[in-house]
Amino acid sequence: MNEIELKPCPFCGSDDVVFGAALEDEYYVECFGCSAKVESCNGLEDAVAGWNARAIDRDAILKVADECASADVDCVIDWTERIRKAVG
């Protein structure tokens, strides 16, 4: 893994996320904001993949929420469909 890219914390949104090795064969990714943590004994790549996995696309949901908050009442009518599209 040449360059390790970590997504923000899925719980608190913090970018203060680090990775490392706790033991010789135990790797982790941890958020300093809320202490959320992923551990793996299958290598650093596995810990990073676990951290970066998302059930939903947080950025897409926040974008839809921002659009709805700044739009007129018509946005409220189709919010369900827009959120479904945002999460894929």
C-alpha atoms as a PDB file:
ATOM      1  CA  MET A   1       0.000   0.000   0.000  1.00  0.00           C
ATOM      2  CA  ASN A   2       1.875   3.051  -1.247  1.00  0.00           C
ATOM      3  CA  GLU A   3      -0.274   5.857   0.078  1.00  0.00           C
ATOM      4  CA  ILE A   4      -2.750   5.319   2.899  1.00  0.00           C
ATOM      5  CA  GLU A   5      -5.906   7.376   2.629  1.00  0.00           C
ATOM      6  CA  LEU A   6      -8.277   7.381   5.594  1.00  0.00           C
ATOM      7  CA  LYS A   7     -11.831   8.656   5.427  1.00  0.00           C
ATOM      8  CA  PRO A   8     -13.132  10.884   8.233  1.00  0.00           C
ATOM      9  CA  CYS A   9     -14.671   9.143  11.228  1.00  0.00           C
ATOM     10  CA  PRO A  10     -18.098   7.722  10.297  1.00  0.00           C
ATOM     11  CA  PHE A  11     -19.400   8.529  13.768  1.00  0.00           C
ATOM     12  CA  CYS A  12     -18.188  12.028  14.642  1.00  0.00           C
ATOM     13  CA  GLY A  13     -16.848  13.243  11.276  1.00  0.00           C
ATOM     14  CA  SER A  14     -13.393  14.047  12.643  1.00  0.00           C
ATOM     15  CA  ASP A  15     -10.404  14.023  10.299  1.00  0.00           C
ATOM     16  CA  ASP A  16      -8.128  13.320  13.270  1.00  0.00           C
ATOM     17  CA  VAL A  17      -7.722   9.642  12.372  1.00  0.00           C
ATOM     18  CA  VAL A  18      -4.512   7.634  12.736  1.00  0.00           C
ATOM     19  CA  PHE A  19      -3.294   4.117  11.963  1.00  0.00           C
ATOM     20  CA  GLY A  20      -0.585   1.923  13.366  1.00  0.00           C
ATOM     21  CA  ALA A  21       0.406  -1.399  14.842  1.00  0.00           C
ATOM     22  CA  ALA A  22      -0.522  -2.332  18.398  1.00  0.00           C
ATOM     23  CA  LEU A  23       1.361  -5.618  18.348  1.00  0.00           C
ATOM     24  CA  GLU A  24       3.517  -7.379  15.801  1.00  0.00           C
ATOM     25  CA  ASP A  25       0.510  -8.690  13.859  1.00  0.00           C
ATOM     26  CA  GLU A  26      -2.329  -6.453  15.081  1.00  0.00           C
ATOM     27  CA  TYR A  27      -3.088  -3.245  13.188  1.00  0.00           C
ATOM     28  CA  TYR A  28      -5.594  -0.503  13.898  1.00  0.00           C
ATOM     29  CA  VAL A  29      -7.210   2.681  12.658  1.00  0.00           C
ATOM     30  CA  GLU A  30      -8.531   5.002  15.366  1.00  0.00           C
ATOM     31  CA  CYS A  31     -10.329   8.325  15.663  1.00  0.00           C
ATOM     32  CA  PHE A  32      -8.947  10.737  18.254  1.00  0.00           C
ATOM     33  CA  GLY A  33     -12.249  12.623  18.208  1.00  0.00           C
ATOM     34  CA  CYS A  34     -14.486   9.885  19.601  1.00  0.00           C
ATOM     35  CA  SER A  35     -12.159   6.858  20.038  1.00  0.00           C
ATOM     36  CA  ALA A  36     -13.890   4.747  17.365  1.00  0.00           C
ATOM     37  CA  LYS A  37     -11.485   2.015  16.332  1.00  0.00           C
ATOM     38  CA  VAL A  38     -11.052  -0.794  13.804  1.00  0.00           C
ATOM     39  CA  GLU A  39      -8.539  -3.553  14.492  1.00  0.00           C
ATOM     40  CA  SER A  40      -7.265  -6.352  12.295  1.00  0.00           C
ATOM     41  CA  CYS A  41      -4.832  -9.232  12.540  1.00  0.00           C
ATOM     42  CA  ASN A  42      -4.858  -9.537   8.734  1.00  0.00           C
ATOM     43  CA  GLY A  43      -2.550  -6.599   8.031  1.00  0.00           C
ATOM     44  CA  LEU A  44      -2.720  -2.841   7.842  1.00  0.00           C
ATOM     45  CA  GLU A  45      -4.515  -2.914   4.482  1.00  0.00           C
ATOM     46  CA  ASP A  46      -7.374  -4.878   6.062  1.00  0.00           C
ATOM     47  CA  ALA A  47      -7.681  -2.431   8.976  1.00  0.00           C
ATOM     48  CA  VAL A  48      -7.740   0.532   6.564  1.00  0.00           C
ATOM     49  CA  ALA A  49     -10.323  -1.174   4.326  1.00  0.00           C
ATOM     50  CA  GLY A  50     -12.508  -1.834   7.370  1.00  0.00           C
ATOM     51  CA  TRP A  51     -12.234   1.786   8.475  1.00  0.00           C
ATOM     52  CA  ASN A  52     -12.969   3.194   5.045  1.00  0.00           C
ATOM     53  CA  ALA A  53     -15.999   0.926   4.473  1.00  0.00           C
ATOM     54  CA  ARG A  54     -19.271   2.796   4.769  1.00  0.00           C
ATOM     55  CA  ALA A  55     -22.815   1.491   4.876  1.00  0.00           C
ATOM     56  CA  ILE A  56     -23.885   4.791   3.307  1.00  0.00           C
ATOM     57  CA  ASP A  57     -22.106   7.665   1.625  1.00  0.00           C
ATOM     58  CA  ARG A  58     -22.018  10.270   4.407  1.00  0.00           C
ATOM     59  CA  ASP A  59     -21.031  13.075   2.051  1.00  0.00           C
ATOM     60  CA  ALA A  60     -23.961  12.336  -0.268  1.00  0.00           C
ATOM     61  CA  ILE A  61     -26.409  12.359   2.644  1.00  0.00           C
ATOM     62  CA  LEU A  62     -25.023  15.652   3.967  1.00  0.00           C
ATOM     63  CA  LYS A  63     -25.304  17.185   0.498  1.00  0.00           C
ATOM     64  CA  VAL A  64     -28.968  16.177   0.237  1.00  0.00           C
ATOM     65  CA  ALA A  65     -29.636  17.496   3.739  1.00  0.00           C
ATOM     66  CA  ASP A  66     -27.995  20.832   2.896  1.00  0.00           C
ATOM     67  CA  GLU A  67     -29.974  21.118  -0.330  1.00  0.00           C
ATOM     68  CA  CYS A  68     -33.239  20.373   1.469  1.00  0.00           C
ATOM     69  CA  ALA A  69     -32.463  22.844   4.238  1.00  0.00           C
ATOM     70  CA  SER A  70     -31.842  25.644   1.755  1.00  0.00           C
ATOM     71  CA  ALA A  71     -34.651  24.759  -0.680  1.00  0.00           C
ATOM     72  CA  ASP A  72     -38.330  25.601  -0.619  1.00  0.00           C
ATOM     73  CA  VAL A  73     -41.154  23.405   0.664  1.00  0.00           C
ATOM     74  CA  ASP A  74     -41.246  21.329  -2.541  1.00  0.00           C
ATOM     75  CA  CYS A  75     -38.007  19.678  -1.485  1.00  0.00           C
ATOM     76  CA  VAL A  76     -39.705  18.119   1.539  1.00  0.00           C
ATOM     77  CA  ILE A  77     -42.140  16.297  -0.743  1.00  0.00           C
ATOM     78  CA  ASP A  78     -39.431  14.347  -2.557  1.00  0.00           C
ATOM     79  CA  TRP A  79     -36.940  13.895   0.310  1.00  0.00           C
ATOM     80  CA  THR A  80     -37.429  10.121   0.422  1.00  0.00           C
ATOM     81  CA  GLU A  81     -36.517   9.651  -3.233  1.00  0.00           C
ATOM     82  CA  ARG A  82     -33.547  12.002  -2.989  1.00  0.00           C
ATOM     83  CA  ILE A  83     -32.125  10.177   0.026  1.00  0.00           C
ATOM     84  CA  ARG A  84     -32.592   6.810  -1.711  1.00  0.00           C
ATOM     85  CA  LYS A  85     -30.606   8.137  -4.667  1.00  0.00           C
ATOM     86  CA  ALA A  86     -27.912   9.555  -2.381  1.00  0.00           C
ATOM     87  CA  VAL A  87     -27.277   6.228  -0.658  1.00  0.00           C
ATOM     88  CA  GLY A  88     -27.360   4.307  -3.940  1.00  0.00           C
END
